[in-house]
N, C-alpha and C. Protein backbone atom coordinates (compact mmCIF):
# COMPACT_ATOMS: atom_id res chain seq x y z
N UNK A 1 -7.73 -16.84 -0.23
CA UNK A 1 -6.69 -16.69 0.78
C UNK A 1 -7.21 -17.33 2.06
N UNK A 2 -6.38 -18.10 2.68
CA UNK A 2 -6.77 -18.77 3.92
C UNK A 2 -6.84 -17.78 5.07
N UNK A 3 -7.68 -18.08 6.05
CA UNK A 3 -7.88 -17.20 7.19
C UNK A 3 -6.59 -16.97 7.97
N UNK A 4 -5.79 -18.01 8.15
CA UNK A 4 -4.53 -17.88 8.87
C UNK A 4 -3.55 -16.96 8.16
N UNK A 5 -3.51 -17.07 6.84
CA UNK A 5 -2.61 -16.22 6.06
C UNK A 5 -3.08 -14.76 6.12
N UNK A 6 -4.37 -14.55 6.03
CA UNK A 6 -4.92 -13.19 6.11
C UNK A 6 -4.64 -12.58 7.48
N UNK A 7 -4.77 -13.37 8.52
CA UNK A 7 -4.47 -12.89 9.87
C UNK A 7 -3.00 -12.52 10.00
N UNK A 8 -2.12 -13.34 9.44
CA UNK A 8 -0.68 -13.05 9.49
C UNK A 8 -0.37 -11.74 8.78
N UNK A 9 -0.94 -11.54 7.59
CA UNK A 9 -0.71 -10.31 6.83
C UNK A 9 -1.23 -9.10 7.59
N UNK A 10 -2.41 -9.23 8.17
CA UNK A 10 -2.99 -8.13 8.93
C UNK A 10 -2.11 -7.77 10.12
N UNK A 11 -1.67 -8.76 10.86
CA UNK A 11 -0.79 -8.50 12.01
C UNK A 11 0.54 -7.90 11.58
N UNK A 12 1.06 -8.34 10.44
CA UNK A 12 2.31 -7.80 9.92
C UNK A 12 2.16 -6.31 9.60
N UNK A 13 1.08 -5.95 8.93
CA UNK A 13 0.85 -4.54 8.59
C UNK A 13 0.69 -3.69 9.84
N UNK A 14 -0.06 -4.18 10.82
CA UNK A 14 -0.25 -3.41 12.05
C UNK A 14 1.07 -3.28 12.82
N UNK A 15 1.92 -4.30 12.77
CA UNK A 15 3.20 -4.18 13.48
C UNK A 15 4.08 -3.12 12.82
N UNK A 16 4.03 -3.02 11.51
CA UNK A 16 4.76 -1.96 10.82
C UNK A 16 4.19 -0.61 11.21
N UNK A 17 2.88 -0.52 11.29
CA UNK A 17 2.24 0.74 11.68
C UNK A 17 2.69 1.15 13.08
N UNK A 18 2.76 0.20 13.98
CA UNK A 18 3.21 0.52 15.34
C UNK A 18 4.64 1.05 15.34
N UNK A 19 5.50 0.47 14.51
CA UNK A 19 6.90 0.88 14.47
C UNK A 19 7.10 2.23 13.77
N UNK A 20 6.41 2.43 12.66
CA UNK A 20 6.67 3.59 11.80
C UNK A 20 5.81 4.80 12.15
N UNK A 21 4.55 4.56 12.48
CA UNK A 21 3.61 5.67 12.65
C UNK A 21 3.39 6.07 14.10
N UNK A 22 4.12 5.45 15.01
CA UNK A 22 3.87 5.65 16.44
C UNK A 22 3.84 7.11 16.84
N UNK A 23 4.80 7.90 16.41
CA UNK A 23 4.85 9.29 16.83
C UNK A 23 4.15 10.23 15.86
N UNK A 24 3.69 9.73 14.72
CA UNK A 24 3.08 10.60 13.71
C UNK A 24 1.56 10.67 13.81
N UNK A 25 0.92 9.58 14.21
CA UNK A 25 -0.53 9.50 14.23
C UNK A 25 -1.01 8.88 15.53
N UNK A 26 -2.19 9.28 15.95
CA UNK A 26 -2.84 8.64 17.09
C UNK A 26 -3.23 7.23 16.65
N UNK A 27 -3.06 6.25 17.53
CA UNK A 27 -3.28 4.85 17.15
C UNK A 27 -4.64 4.62 16.49
N UNK A 28 -5.67 5.28 16.90
CA UNK A 28 -7.00 5.10 16.30
C UNK A 28 -7.09 5.63 14.88
N UNK A 29 -6.14 6.44 14.46
CA UNK A 29 -6.16 7.02 13.11
C UNK A 29 -5.29 6.25 12.12
N UNK A 30 -4.66 5.16 12.57
CA UNK A 30 -3.81 4.37 11.67
C UNK A 30 -4.58 3.93 10.43
N UNK A 31 -5.81 3.48 10.62
CA UNK A 31 -6.56 2.96 9.48
C UNK A 31 -6.78 4.02 8.41
N UNK A 32 -6.79 5.30 8.80
CA UNK A 32 -6.93 6.37 7.81
C UNK A 32 -5.69 6.50 6.94
N UNK A 33 -4.57 5.96 7.40
CA UNK A 33 -3.31 6.03 6.66
C UNK A 33 -2.98 4.68 6.03
N UNK A 34 -3.13 3.61 6.77
CA UNK A 34 -2.70 2.29 6.33
C UNK A 34 -3.48 1.81 5.10
N UNK A 35 -4.79 1.92 5.13
CA UNK A 35 -5.58 1.42 4.00
C UNK A 35 -5.23 2.13 2.70
N UNK A 36 -5.23 3.46 2.65
CA UNK A 36 -4.85 4.11 1.38
C UNK A 36 -3.43 3.76 0.93
N UNK A 37 -2.49 3.68 1.86
CA UNK A 37 -1.12 3.34 1.48
C UNK A 37 -1.04 1.92 0.93
N UNK A 38 -1.80 1.00 1.52
CA UNK A 38 -1.80 -0.38 1.06
C UNK A 38 -2.41 -0.48 -0.34
N UNK A 39 -3.51 0.24 -0.56
CA UNK A 39 -4.16 0.23 -1.88
C UNK A 39 -3.24 0.82 -2.94
N UNK A 40 -2.60 1.95 -2.62
CA UNK A 40 -1.69 2.59 -3.58
C UNK A 40 -0.52 1.66 -3.91
N UNK A 41 0.04 1.02 -2.91
CA UNK A 41 1.16 0.09 -3.15
C UNK A 41 0.72 -1.09 -4.00
N UNK A 42 -0.47 -1.59 -3.74
CA UNK A 42 -0.98 -2.73 -4.52
C UNK A 42 -1.19 -2.32 -5.97
N UNK A 43 -1.77 -1.15 -6.20
CA UNK A 43 -1.95 -0.66 -7.56
C UNK A 43 -0.60 -0.50 -8.26
N UNK A 44 0.37 0.02 -7.55
CA UNK A 44 1.71 0.18 -8.11
C UNK A 44 2.28 -1.16 -8.54
N UNK A 45 2.12 -2.17 -7.70
CA UNK A 45 2.65 -3.50 -8.01
C UNK A 45 1.93 -4.13 -9.20
N UNK A 46 0.62 -3.95 -9.27
CA UNK A 46 -0.16 -4.55 -10.36
C UNK A 46 0.15 -3.86 -11.70
N UNK A 47 0.33 -2.55 -11.66
CA UNK A 47 0.54 -1.79 -12.90
C UNK A 47 2.01 -1.71 -13.33
N UNK A 48 2.92 -2.19 -12.51
CA UNK A 48 4.34 -2.08 -12.79
C UNK A 48 4.76 -2.64 -14.15
N UNK A 49 4.23 -3.79 -14.60
CA UNK A 49 4.64 -4.31 -15.90
C UNK A 49 4.32 -3.38 -17.08
N UNK A 50 3.32 -2.53 -16.95
CA UNK A 50 2.93 -1.64 -18.05
C UNK A 50 3.41 -0.20 -17.84
N UNK A 51 4.23 0.01 -16.84
CA UNK A 51 4.66 1.37 -16.51
C UNK A 51 5.36 2.05 -17.69
N UNK A 52 6.29 1.38 -18.32
CA UNK A 52 7.04 2.00 -19.42
C UNK A 52 6.12 2.34 -20.58
N UNK A 53 5.17 1.47 -20.89
CA UNK A 53 4.23 1.75 -21.98
C UNK A 53 3.38 2.98 -21.66
N UNK A 54 2.97 3.11 -20.41
CA UNK A 54 2.18 4.28 -20.00
C UNK A 54 3.01 5.55 -20.10
N UNK A 55 4.26 5.49 -19.65
CA UNK A 55 5.13 6.66 -19.74
C UNK A 55 5.41 7.05 -21.20
N UNK A 56 5.59 6.05 -22.07
CA UNK A 56 5.78 6.33 -23.49
C UNK A 56 4.55 6.98 -24.11
N UNK A 57 3.38 6.48 -23.75
CA UNK A 57 2.14 7.05 -24.27
C UNK A 57 1.97 8.48 -23.79
N UNK A 58 2.29 8.73 -22.53
CA UNK A 58 2.20 10.09 -21.99
C UNK A 58 3.13 11.04 -22.75
N UNK A 59 4.34 10.57 -23.03
CA UNK A 59 5.30 11.38 -23.77
C UNK A 59 4.78 11.68 -25.18
N UNK A 60 4.13 10.71 -25.80
CA UNK A 60 3.56 10.93 -27.14
C UNK A 60 2.40 11.92 -27.11
N UNK A 61 1.62 11.90 -26.03
CA UNK A 61 0.47 12.79 -25.94
C UNK A 61 0.85 14.21 -25.57
N UNK A 62 2.01 14.37 -24.92
CA UNK A 62 2.45 15.72 -24.53
C UNK A 62 3.06 16.42 -25.67
């Protein structure tokens, strides 16, 4: 990933944090929320193609 693209993504995420989390968290604590949320969303996106297979397997195991 190019440095300019990474900077754009970083600024985009922080701008969302400023809009959404402004009244919920102290600005210095954003990173405690943003990083886990970003990781969870990324995992969700990566695992999405196999979601139905996982749910079927869970149903079989229950």
